């Protein structure tokens, strides 16, 4: 009987997805709430060595980066903020344009005594990472952008015509009323439609982020991230007159932005390395963490 129970338990364990839910950061990481102009940014810090900043996007928080942070912290100082209005950062009324949020990142790093860093972004984090590299090129050693367009950078005018991107202009008081209490339904649309395999964004992960986006004011801030994109496009059109000269890694999911990530970046940067993750959609750290981490590791060598 005991052997039968043990066998059944083992089979059940093997049948469950490994790493279900959002993995924790290593216990060696600490958290800190750092004041910046107009906001307070929740930050995770760990490791030792050259600095790397990891910037999340919509549908996630800085929690998404735990597997990459654990890997990089072996030989890097890893800084993982929640963007303003997202995760456990404060929720101000304004400042959601990506140029301002680049300033948030710079202020966080300055408070930690970090002058130079690699900057890595996904989704909205890609837009902030690009704004950071444009605004602070001398402090940006390398740039990694992952599966998102960059407002204003060609072929931006073609990209924004995609019906998949209707949410770029969605927001306002009535939109907030529609989503209030239904944050999970709204988020499921992104996790399902933008994934190569929606099952890779498992139930525990969805519940984790849905709780965070149900915080008072969180969806208002999320909508503001997107509704600032028109201003971001104007800012980037001006900044792209000076091309980025640091090495850039452009990663796209095969079933999402694909090689378009590199196409966009070659219109703004001189040294672009292209990587397409086979079989993956938009949610690279959830769908293909091993391949994504290896691509970043190779780039940082």
C-alpha atoms as a PDB file:
ATOM      1  CA  UNK A   1       0.000   0.000   0.000  1.00  0.00           C
ATOM      2  CA  UNK A   2       2.775   2.448   0.987  1.00  0.00           C
ATOM      3  CA  UNK A   3       4.733   1.603  -2.163  1.00  0.00           C
ATOM      4  CA  UNK A   4       1.594   2.196  -4.255  1.00  0.00           C
ATOM      5  CA  UNK A   5       1.023   5.578  -2.588  1.00  0.00           C
ATOM      6  CA  UNK A   6       4.655   6.606  -3.089  1.00  0.00           C
ATOM      7  CA  UNK A   7       4.520   5.568  -6.742  1.00  0.00           C
ATOM      8  CA  UNK A   8       1.304   7.527  -7.269  1.00  0.00           C
ATOM      9  CA  UNK A   9       2.816  10.579  -5.581  1.00  0.00           C
ATOM     10  CA  UNK A  10       5.931  10.386  -7.754  1.00  0.00           C
ATOM     11  CA  UNK A  11       3.877  10.041 -10.926  1.00  0.00           C
ATOM     12  CA  UNK A  12       1.774  13.033  -9.929  1.00  0.00           C
ATOM     13  CA  UNK A  13       4.880  15.105  -9.273  1.00  0.00           C
ATOM     14  CA  UNK A  14       6.332  14.163 -12.627  1.00  0.00           C
ATOM     15  CA  UNK A  15       3.093  15.032 -14.388  1.00  0.00           C
ATOM     16  CA  UNK A  16       3.011  18.576 -12.976  1.00  0.00           C
ATOM     17  CA  UNK A  17       4.851  21.340 -14.838  1.00  0.00           C
ATOM     18  CA  UNK A  18       8.231  22.097 -13.352  1.00  0.00           C
ATOM     19  CA  UNK A  19       8.769  25.570 -11.856  1.00  0.00           C
ATOM     20  CA  UNK A  20       4.999  26.165 -11.769  1.00  0.00           C
ATOM     21  CA  UNK A  21       4.216  29.707 -10.746  1.00  0.00           C
ATOM     22  CA  UNK A  22       6.600  32.627 -10.409  1.00  0.00           C
ATOM     23  CA  UNK A  23       9.961  31.420  -9.106  1.00  0.00           C
ATOM     24  CA  UNK A  24      11.414  33.353  -6.169  1.00  0.00           C
ATOM     25  CA  UNK A  25      14.561  35.423  -6.292  1.00  0.00           C
ATOM     26  CA  UNK A  26      17.609  33.949  -4.552  1.00  0.00           C
ATOM     27  CA  UNK A  27      17.607  34.574  -0.803  1.00  0.00           C
ATOM     28  CA  UNK A  28      20.836  36.559  -1.255  1.00  0.00           C
ATOM     29  CA  UNK A  29      18.837  39.333  -2.963  1.00  0.00           C
ATOM     30  CA  UNK A  30      17.578  42.237  -0.887  1.00  0.00           C
ATOM     31  CA  UNK A  31      14.746  44.676  -1.587  1.00  0.00           C
ATOM     32  CA  UNK A  32      14.758  48.438  -1.252  1.00  0.00           C
ATOM     33  CA  UNK A  33      12.242  51.197  -1.962  1.00  0.00           C
ATOM     34  CA  UNK A  34      14.177  54.034  -3.593  1.00  0.00           C
ATOM     35  CA  UNK A  35      12.732  57.558  -3.919  1.00  0.00           C
ATOM     36  CA  UNK A  36      12.941  59.127  -7.381  1.00  0.00           C
ATOM     37  CA  UNK A  37      11.351  62.300  -8.695  1.00  0.00           C
ATOM     38  CA  UNK A  38       7.594  61.855  -8.252  1.00  0.00           C
ATOM     39  CA  UNK A  39       7.623  58.194  -7.255  1.00  0.00           C
ATOM     40  CA  UNK A  40       9.119  55.477  -5.073  1.00  0.00           C
ATOM     41  CA  UNK A  41      10.604  52.513  -6.938  1.00  0.00           C
ATOM     42  CA  UNK A  42      10.635  49.006  -5.472  1.00  0.00           C
ATOM     43  CA  UNK A  43      13.963  47.364  -6.313  1.00  0.00           C
ATOM     44  CA  UNK A  44      15.571  43.945  -5.888  1.00  0.00           C
ATOM     45  CA  UNK A  45      19.377  43.912  -5.695  1.00  0.00           C
ATOM     46  CA  UNK A  46      21.781  40.989  -5.619  1.00  0.00           C
ATOM     47  CA  UNK A  47      25.083  39.611  -6.844  1.00  0.00           C
ATOM     48  CA  UNK A  48      28.466  41.214  -7.301  1.00  0.00           C
ATOM     49  CA  UNK A  49      30.305  42.459 -10.388  1.00  0.00           C
ATOM     50  CA  UNK A  50      29.448  44.649 -13.386  1.00  0.00           C
ATOM     51  CA  UNK A  51      25.911  45.982 -13.113  1.00  0.00           C
ATOM     52  CA  UNK A  52      22.914  44.726 -15.094  1.00  0.00           C
ATOM     53  CA  UNK A  53      19.448  46.321 -14.907  1.00  0.00           C
ATOM     54  CA  UNK A  54      16.370  44.224 -15.781  1.00  0.00           C
ATOM     55  CA  UNK A  55      13.216  46.118 -16.847  1.00  0.00           C
ATOM     56  CA  UNK A  56       9.880  44.299 -17.030  1.00  0.00           C
ATOM     57  CA  UNK A  57       6.777  45.080 -19.083  1.00  0.00           C
ATOM     58  CA  UNK A  58       2.998  44.930 -18.875  1.00  0.00           C
ATOM     59  CA  UNK A  59       1.433  41.704 -17.614  1.00  0.00           C
ATOM     60  CA  UNK A  60       4.503  41.102 -15.470  1.00  0.00           C
ATOM     61  CA  UNK A  61       6.467  42.884 -12.766  1.00  0.00           C
ATOM     62  CA  UNK A  62      10.140  42.638 -11.890  1.00  0.00           C
ATOM     63  CA  UNK A  63       9.250  39.189 -10.523  1.00  0.00           C
ATOM     64  CA  UNK A  64       9.444  37.849 -14.092  1.00  0.00           C
ATOM     65  CA  UNK A  65      13.232  38.160 -14.060  1.00  0.00           C
ATOM     66  CA  UNK A  66      13.989  35.775 -11.150  1.00  0.00           C
ATOM     67  CA  UNK A  67      15.569  32.981 -13.277  1.00  0.00           C
ATOM     68  CA  UNK A  68      17.760  35.419 -15.229  1.00  0.00           C
ATOM     69  CA  UNK A  69      18.660  37.351 -12.080  1.00  0.00           C
ATOM     70  CA  UNK A  70      19.715  34.144 -10.354  1.00  0.00           C
ATOM     71  CA  UNK A  71      21.968  33.245 -13.292  1.00  0.00           C
ATOM     72  CA  UNK A  72      23.525  36.677 -13.777  1.00  0.00           C
ATOM     73  CA  UNK A  73      24.090  37.308 -10.080  1.00  0.00           C
ATOM     74  CA  UNK A  74      26.890  34.734 -10.143  1.00  0.00           C
ATOM     75  CA  UNK A  75      29.136  37.363 -11.728  1.00  0.00           C
ATOM     76  CA  UNK A  76      27.098  40.579 -11.948  1.00  0.00           C
ATOM     77  CA  UNK A  77      25.376  43.040  -9.672  1.00  0.00           C
ATOM     78  CA  UNK A  78      21.737  42.646 -10.714  1.00  0.00           C
ATOM     79  CA  UNK A  79      19.218  45.465 -10.205  1.00  0.00           C
ATOM     80  CA  UNK A  80      15.540  44.675 -10.808  1.00  0.00           C
ATOM     81  CA  UNK A  81      13.076  47.550 -10.352  1.00  0.00           C
ATOM     82  CA  UNK A  82       9.322  47.541 -10.673  1.00  0.00           C
ATOM     83  CA  UNK A  83       8.494  50.368 -13.082  1.00  0.00           C
ATOM     84  CA  UNK A  84       6.585  53.300 -11.636  1.00  0.00           C
ATOM     85  CA  UNK A  85       2.945  52.445 -11.070  1.00  0.00           C
ATOM     86  CA  UNK A  86       3.595  48.718 -11.418  1.00  0.00           C
ATOM     87  CA  UNK A  87       4.333  45.851  -9.052  1.00  0.00           C
ATOM     88  CA  UNK A  88       5.206  47.175  -5.599  1.00  0.00           C
ATOM     89  CA  UNK A  89       6.347  50.618  -6.744  1.00  0.00           C
ATOM     90  CA  UNK A  90       4.244  53.662  -5.927  1.00  0.00           C
ATOM     91  CA  UNK A  91       1.440  54.723  -8.259  1.00  0.00           C
ATOM     92  CA  UNK A  92       1.823  58.405  -9.165  1.00  0.00           C
ATOM     93  CA  UNK A  93      -0.608  60.275 -11.385  1.00  0.00           C
ATOM     94  CA  UNK A  94       1.956  61.085 -14.070  1.00  0.00           C
ATOM     95  CA  UNK A  95       5.421  60.355 -15.415  1.00  0.00           C
ATOM     96  CA  UNK A  96       4.607  57.304 -17.540  1.00  0.00           C
ATOM     97  CA  UNK A  97       6.391  58.482 -20.667  1.00  0.00           C
ATOM     98  CA  UNK A  98       9.457  56.329 -21.140  1.00  0.00           C
ATOM     99  CA  UNK A  99      11.910  59.243 -21.058  1.00  0.00           C
ATOM    100  CA  UNK A 100      10.778  60.055 -17.522  1.00  0.00           C
ATOM    101  CA  UNK A 101      10.991  56.397 -16.527  1.00  0.00           C
ATOM    102  CA  UNK A 102      14.519  56.251 -17.916  1.00  0.00           C
ATOM    103  CA  UNK A 103      15.213  59.008 -15.407  1.00  0.00           C
ATOM    104  CA  UNK A 104      13.721  56.784 -12.694  1.00  0.00           C
ATOM    105  CA  UNK A 105      16.171  54.024 -13.614  1.00  0.00           C
ATOM    106  CA  UNK A 106      19.092  56.442 -13.619  1.00  0.00           C
ATOM    107  CA  UNK A 107      18.081  57.735 -10.178  1.00  0.00           C
ATOM    108  CA  UNK A 108      17.846  54.191  -8.816  1.00  0.00           C
ATOM    109  CA  UNK A 109      21.298  53.325 -10.102  1.00  0.00           C
ATOM    110  CA  UNK A 110      22.791  56.566  -8.802  1.00  0.00           C
ATOM    111  CA  UNK A 111      21.367  55.879  -5.344  1.00  0.00           C
ATOM    112  CA  UNK A 112      23.105  52.490  -5.440  1.00  0.00           C
ATOM    113  CA  UNK A 113      26.402  54.057  -6.511  1.00  0.00           C
ATOM    114  CA  UNK A 114      26.263  52.485  -9.978  1.00  0.00           C
ATOM    115  CA  UNK A 115      27.575  54.565 -12.873  1.00  0.00           C
ATOM    116  CA  UNK A 116      27.673  52.067 -15.765  1.00  0.00           C
ATOM    117  CA  UNK A 117      25.389  49.131 -16.537  1.00  0.00           C
ATOM    118  CA  UNK A 118      23.991  46.767 -19.086  1.00  0.00           C
ATOM    119  CA  UNK A 119      20.274  47.499 -19.577  1.00  0.00           C
ATOM    120  CA  UNK A 120      17.840  44.701 -20.464  1.00  0.00           C
ATOM    121  CA  UNK A 121      14.159  45.244 -21.196  1.00  0.00           C
ATOM    122  CA  UNK A 122      11.094  43.265 -22.248  1.00  0.00           C
ATOM    123  CA  UNK A 123       7.795  44.674 -23.572  1.00  0.00           C
ATOM    124  CA  UNK A 124       7.254  48.134 -21.995  1.00  0.00           C
ATOM    125  CA  UNK A 125      10.653  47.563 -20.396  1.00  0.00           C
ATOM    126  CA  UNK A 126      12.153  47.504 -23.904  1.00  0.00           C
ATOM    127  CA  UNK A 127      10.740  50.971 -24.502  1.00  0.00           C
ATOM    128  CA  UNK A 128      12.189  52.235 -21.212  1.00  0.00           C
ATOM    129  CA  UNK A 129      15.526  50.531 -21.927  1.00  0.00           C
ATOM    130  CA  UNK A 130      15.750  52.214 -25.324  1.00  0.00           C
ATOM    131  CA  UNK A 131      14.900  55.595 -23.778  1.00  0.00           C
ATOM    132  CA  UNK A 132      17.580  55.005 -21.153  1.00  0.00           C
ATOM    133  CA  UNK A 133      20.256  54.130 -23.701  1.00  0.00           C
ATOM    134  CA  UNK A 134      19.298  57.182 -25.775  1.00  0.00           C
ATOM    135  CA  UNK A 135      19.281  59.525 -22.793  1.00  0.00           C
ATOM    136  CA  UNK A 136      22.330  58.073 -21.031  1.00  0.00           C
ATOM    137  CA  UNK A 137      24.522  56.511 -23.731  1.00  0.00           C
ATOM    138  CA  UNK A 138      27.740  57.030 -21.790  1.00  0.00           C
ATOM    139  CA  UNK A 139      26.327  55.054 -18.849  1.00  0.00           C
ATOM    140  CA  UNK A 140      24.959  52.196 -21.016  1.00  0.00           C
ATOM    141  CA  UNK A 141      27.566  49.513 -21.670  1.00  0.00           C
ATOM    142  CA  UNK A 142      25.241  47.201 -23.626  1.00  0.00           C
ATOM    143  CA  UNK A 143      21.536  47.138 -24.436  1.00  0.00           C
ATOM    144  CA  UNK A 144      19.200  44.141 -24.718  1.00  0.00           C
ATOM    145  CA  UNK A 145      15.682  44.636 -26.105  1.00  0.00           C
ATOM    146  CA  UNK A 146      13.135  41.831 -26.094  1.00  0.00           C
ATOM    147  CA  UNK A 147      10.003  41.299 -28.173  1.00  0.00           C
ATOM    148  CA  UNK A 148       8.472  44.762 -28.408  1.00  0.00           C
ATOM    149  CA  UNK A 149       8.420  47.630 -30.870  1.00  0.00           C
ATOM    150  CA  UNK A 150      10.055  50.924 -30.000  1.00  0.00           C
ATOM    151  CA  UNK A 151       7.694  53.881 -30.514  1.00  0.00           C
ATOM    152  CA  UNK A 152       8.770  56.169 -33.326  1.00  0.00           C
ATOM    153  CA  UNK A 153      11.509  53.874 -34.646  1.00  0.00           C
ATOM    154  CA  UNK A 154      10.745  52.541 -38.168  1.00  0.00           C
ATOM    155  CA  UNK A 155       8.790  50.642 -39.217  1.00  0.00           C
ATOM    156  CA  UNK A 156       6.718  52.047 -36.334  1.00  0.00           C
ATOM    157  CA  UNK A 157       3.958  53.461 -38.553  1.00  0.00           C
ATOM    158  CA  UNK A 158       3.371  50.008 -40.037  1.00  0.00           C
ATOM    159  CA  UNK A 159       3.627  48.175 -36.706  1.00  0.00           C
ATOM    160  CA  UNK A 160       0.977  50.266 -34.950  1.00  0.00           C
ATOM    161  CA  UNK A 161      -1.575  49.434 -37.664  1.00  0.00           C
ATOM    162  CA  UNK A 162      -1.729  45.862 -36.370  1.00  0.00           C
ATOM    163  CA  UNK A 163      -5.181  45.131 -34.886  1.00  0.00           C
ATOM    164  CA  UNK A 164      -3.393  43.199 -32.129  1.00  0.00           C
ATOM    165  CA  UNK A 165      -2.179  46.512 -30.698  1.00  0.00           C
ATOM    166  CA  UNK A 166      -5.552  48.161 -30.057  1.00  0.00           C
ATOM    167  CA  UNK A 167      -4.631  48.358 -26.375  1.00  0.00           C
ATOM    168  CA  UNK A 168      -2.048  51.076 -27.095  1.00  0.00           C
ATOM    169  CA  UNK A 169      -4.879  53.626 -27.028  1.00  0.00           C
ATOM    170  CA  UNK A 170      -7.159  51.893 -24.538  1.00  0.00           C
ATOM    171  CA  UNK A 171      -7.689  53.623 -21.217  1.00  0.00           C
ATOM    172  CA  UNK A 172      -9.513  56.385 -19.419  1.00  0.00           C
ATOM    173  CA  UNK A 173     -12.169  56.357 -16.667  1.00  0.00           C
ATOM    174  CA  UNK A 174     -14.667  54.194 -18.555  1.00  0.00           C
ATOM    175  CA  UNK A 175     -12.034  51.645 -19.556  1.00  0.00           C
ATOM    176  CA  UNK A 176     -10.958  51.476 -15.929  1.00  0.00           C
ATOM    177  CA  UNK A 177     -14.554  50.818 -14.871  1.00  0.00           C
ATOM    178  CA  UNK A 178     -14.827  48.051 -17.450  1.00  0.00           C
ATOM    179  CA  UNK A 179     -11.732  46.302 -16.135  1.00  0.00           C
ATOM    180  CA  UNK A 180     -12.261  46.916 -12.409  1.00  0.00           C
ATOM    181  CA  UNK A 181     -12.727  43.551 -10.717  1.00  0.00           C
ATOM    182  CA  UNK A 182     -12.007  41.839 -14.059  1.00  0.00           C
ATOM    183  CA  UNK A 183      -8.251  42.414 -14.193  1.00  0.00           C
ATOM    184  CA  UNK A 184      -7.632  38.704 -14.672  1.00  0.00           C
ATOM    185  CA  UNK A 185      -9.944  38.598 -17.717  1.00  0.00           C
ATOM    186  CA  UNK A 186      -8.122  41.544 -19.282  1.00  0.00           C
ATOM    187  CA  UNK A 187      -4.683  40.094 -18.560  1.00  0.00           C
ATOM    188  CA  UNK A 188      -5.662  36.672 -19.917  1.00  0.00           C
ATOM    189  CA  UNK A 189      -6.152  38.273 -23.317  1.00  0.00           C
ATOM    190  CA  UNK A 190      -2.443  39.184 -23.416  1.00  0.00           C
ATOM    191  CA  UNK A 191      -1.186  35.921 -21.949  1.00  0.00           C
ATOM    192  CA  UNK A 192      -3.325  33.892 -24.373  1.00  0.00           C
ATOM    193  CA  UNK A 193      -3.107  35.854 -27.622  1.00  0.00           C
ATOM    194  CA  UNK A 194       0.551  36.890 -27.417  1.00  0.00           C
ATOM    195  CA  UNK A 195       1.943  33.527 -26.311  1.00  0.00           C
ATOM    196  CA  UNK A 196       3.304  30.873 -28.617  1.00  0.00           C
ATOM    197  CA  UNK A 197       1.946  28.354 -26.105  1.00  0.00           C
ATOM    198  CA  UNK A 198      -0.477  29.906 -23.578  1.00  0.00           C
ATOM    199  CA  UNK A 199      -0.059  26.952 -21.224  1.00  0.00           C
ATOM    200  CA  UNK A 200       3.488  28.120 -20.520  1.00  0.00           C
ATOM    201  CA  UNK A 201       1.965  31.018 -18.587  1.00  0.00           C
ATOM    202  CA  UNK A 202       0.560  28.725 -15.924  1.00  0.00           C
ATOM    203  CA  UNK A 203      -2.355  29.291 -13.565  1.00  0.00           C
ATOM    204  CA  UNK A 204      -0.211  30.148 -10.553  1.00  0.00           C
ATOM    205  CA  UNK A 205       1.670  32.771 -12.580  1.00  0.00           C
ATOM    206  CA  UNK A 206      -1.571  34.294 -13.813  1.00  0.00           C
ATOM    207  CA  UNK A 207      -2.990  34.477 -10.307  1.00  0.00           C
ATOM    208  CA  UNK A 208       0.194  36.084  -8.995  1.00  0.00           C
ATOM    209  CA  UNK A 209       0.199  38.929 -11.498  1.00  0.00           C
ATOM    210  CA  UNK A 210      -3.584  39.373 -11.498  1.00  0.00           C
ATOM    211  CA  UNK A 211      -3.403  40.103  -7.761  1.00  0.00           C
ATOM    212  CA  UNK A 212      -0.752  42.757  -8.320  1.00  0.00           C
ATOM    213  CA  UNK A 213      -2.666  44.414 -11.158  1.00  0.00           C
ATOM    214  CA  UNK A 214      -5.807  44.456  -8.980  1.00  0.00           C
ATOM    215  CA  UNK A 215      -4.120  46.827  -6.516  1.00  0.00           C
ATOM    216  CA  UNK A 216      -5.906  50.198  -6.292  1.00  0.00           C
ATOM    217  CA  UNK A 217      -4.684  52.398  -9.135  1.00  0.00           C
ATOM    218  CA  UNK A 218      -2.604  49.682 -10.785  1.00  0.00           C
ATOM    219  CA  UNK A 219      -4.669  49.441 -13.964  1.00  0.00           C
ATOM    220  CA  UNK A 220      -4.852  53.236 -14.201  1.00  0.00           C
ATOM    221  CA  UNK A 221      -1.049  53.220 -14.224  1.00  0.00           C
ATOM    222  CA  UNK A 222      -0.926  50.316 -16.694  1.00  0.00           C
ATOM    223  CA  UNK A 223      -3.181  52.170 -19.125  1.00  0.00           C
ATOM    224  CA  UNK A 224      -1.020  55.278 -18.669  1.00  0.00           C
ATOM    225  CA  UNK A 225       2.058  53.277 -19.725  1.00  0.00           C
ATOM    226  CA  UNK A 226       0.402  52.644 -23.093  1.00  0.00           C
ATOM    227  CA  UNK A 227      -1.336  55.980 -23.519  1.00  0.00           C
ATOM    228  CA  UNK A 228       2.065  57.672 -23.176  1.00  0.00           C
ATOM    229  CA  UNK A 229       3.306  55.867 -26.277  1.00  0.00           C
ATOM    230  CA  UNK A 230       2.358  58.731 -28.611  1.00  0.00           C
ATOM    231  CA  UNK A 231       4.680  61.010 -26.630  1.00  0.00           C
ATOM    232  CA  UNK A 232       7.316  58.279 -26.565  1.00  0.00           C
ATOM    233  CA  UNK A 233       7.226  58.171 -30.369  1.00  0.00           C
ATOM    234  CA  UNK A 234       7.882  61.904 -30.581  1.00  0.00           C
ATOM    235  CA  UNK A 235      10.727  61.636 -28.056  1.00  0.00           C
ATOM    236  CA  UNK A 236      12.329  58.720 -29.898  1.00  0.00           C
ATOM    237  CA  UNK A 237      12.017  60.368 -33.311  1.00  0.00           C
ATOM    238  CA  UNK A 238      14.138  63.178 -31.898  1.00  0.00           C
ATOM    239  CA  UNK A 239      16.620  60.933 -30.097  1.00  0.00           C
ATOM    240  CA  UNK A 240      17.205  58.596 -33.050  1.00  0.00           C
ATOM    241  CA  UNK A 241      18.945  61.433 -34.884  1.00  0.00           C
ATOM    242  CA  UNK A 242      21.919  60.298 -32.789  1.00  0.00           C
ATOM    243  CA  UNK A 243      22.391  56.594 -33.361  1.00  0.00           C
ATOM    244  CA  UNK A 244      23.208  54.228 -30.520  1.00  0.00           C
ATOM    245  CA  UNK A 245      26.793  53.008 -30.664  1.00  0.00           C
ATOM    246  CA  UNK A 246      26.857  50.472 -27.817  1.00  0.00           C
ATOM    247  CA  UNK A 247      26.353  46.766 -28.684  1.00  0.00           C
ATOM    248  CA  UNK A 248      22.670  45.841 -28.869  1.00  0.00           C
ATOM    249  CA  UNK A 249      21.043  42.409 -28.630  1.00  0.00           C
ATOM    250  CA  UNK A 250      17.576  42.214 -30.209  1.00  0.00           C
ATOM    251  CA  UNK A 251      15.610  39.127 -29.123  1.00  0.00           C
ATOM    252  CA  UNK A 252      12.247  38.179 -30.599  1.00  0.00           C
ATOM    253  CA  UNK A 253       9.982  35.195 -30.113  1.00  0.00           C
ATOM    254  CA  UNK A 254       9.516  33.235 -33.335  1.00  0.00           C
ATOM    255  CA  UNK A 255       5.724  33.314 -32.919  1.00  0.00           C
ATOM    256  CA  UNK A 256       5.630  36.961 -31.893  1.00  0.00           C
ATOM    257  CA  UNK A 257       7.892  39.853 -32.921  1.00  0.00           C
ATOM    258  CA  UNK A 258      10.548  37.565 -34.395  1.00  0.00           C
ATOM    259  CA  UNK A 259      13.288  39.224 -36.421  1.00  0.00           C
ATOM    260  CA  UNK A 260      11.349  42.492 -36.412  1.00  0.00           C
ATOM    261  CA  UNK A 261      13.081  43.292 -33.126  1.00  0.00           C
ATOM    262  CA  UNK A 262      16.411  43.447 -34.951  1.00  0.00           C
ATOM    263  CA  UNK A 263      14.895  45.256 -37.946  1.00  0.00           C
ATOM    264  CA  UNK A 264      13.670  48.009 -35.634  1.00  0.00           C
ATOM    265  CA  UNK A 265      16.936  48.326 -33.774  1.00  0.00           C
ATOM    266  CA  UNK A 266      19.054  48.481 -36.937  1.00  0.00           C
ATOM    267  CA  UNK A 267      17.205  51.704 -37.725  1.00  0.00           C
ATOM    268  CA  UNK A 268      18.514  53.247 -34.506  1.00  0.00           C
ATOM    269  CA  UNK A 269      21.746  51.427 -33.581  1.00  0.00           C
ATOM    270  CA  UNK A 270      25.020  50.536 -35.280  1.00  0.00           C
ATOM    271  CA  UNK A 271      25.912  47.197 -33.652  1.00  0.00           C
ATOM    272  CA  UNK A 272      22.897  44.897 -33.519  1.00  0.00           C
ATOM    273  CA  UNK A 273      22.969  41.163 -32.843  1.00  0.00           C
ATOM    274  CA  UNK A 274      19.772  39.301 -33.786  1.00  0.00           C
ATOM    275  CA  UNK A 275      18.346  36.305 -31.933  1.00  0.00           C
ATOM    276  CA  UNK A 276      14.982  34.644 -32.584  1.00  0.00           C
ATOM    277  CA  UNK A 277      13.841  32.138 -29.961  1.00  0.00           C
ATOM    278  CA  UNK A 278      12.283  29.126 -31.780  1.00  0.00           C
ATOM    279  CA  UNK A 279       8.693  28.291 -30.924  1.00  0.00           C
ATOM    280  CA  UNK A 280       8.321  31.110 -28.416  1.00  0.00           C
ATOM    281  CA  UNK A 281       5.769  33.868 -28.390  1.00  0.00           C
ATOM    282  CA  UNK A 282       5.960  37.154 -26.554  1.00  0.00           C
ATOM    283  CA  UNK A 283       6.441  35.819 -23.006  1.00  0.00           C
ATOM    284  CA  UNK A 284      10.046  34.790 -23.409  1.00  0.00           C
ATOM    285  CA  UNK A 285      10.939  34.324 -19.745  1.00  0.00           C
ATOM    286  CA  UNK A 286       7.851  32.195 -19.158  1.00  0.00           C
ATOM    287  CA  UNK A 287       7.883  30.271 -22.445  1.00  0.00           C
ATOM    288  CA  UNK A 288      11.598  29.776 -23.098  1.00  0.00           C
ATOM    289  CA  UNK A 289      13.679  30.846 -20.088  1.00  0.00           C
ATOM    290  CA  UNK A 290      16.626  28.559 -20.782  1.00  0.00           C
ATOM    291  CA  UNK A 291      17.096  29.691 -24.380  1.00  0.00           C
ATOM    292  CA  UNK A 292      16.558  33.336 -23.489  1.00  0.00           C
ATOM    293  CA  UNK A 293      19.046  33.263 -20.619  1.00  0.00           C
ATOM    294  CA  UNK A 294      21.631  31.563 -22.816  1.00  0.00           C
ATOM    295  CA  UNK A 295      21.215  34.180 -25.553  1.00  0.00           C
ATOM    296  CA  UNK A 296      21.794  36.955 -23.015  1.00  0.00           C
ATOM    297  CA  UNK A 297      24.727  35.118 -21.443  1.00  0.00           C
ATOM    298  CA  UNK A 298      26.383  34.696 -24.845  1.00  0.00           C
ATOM    299  CA  UNK A 299      25.922  38.393 -25.570  1.00  0.00           C
ATOM    300  CA  UNK A 300      27.477  39.458 -22.272  1.00  0.00           C
ATOM    301  CA  UNK A 301      30.578  37.272 -22.664  1.00  0.00           C
END
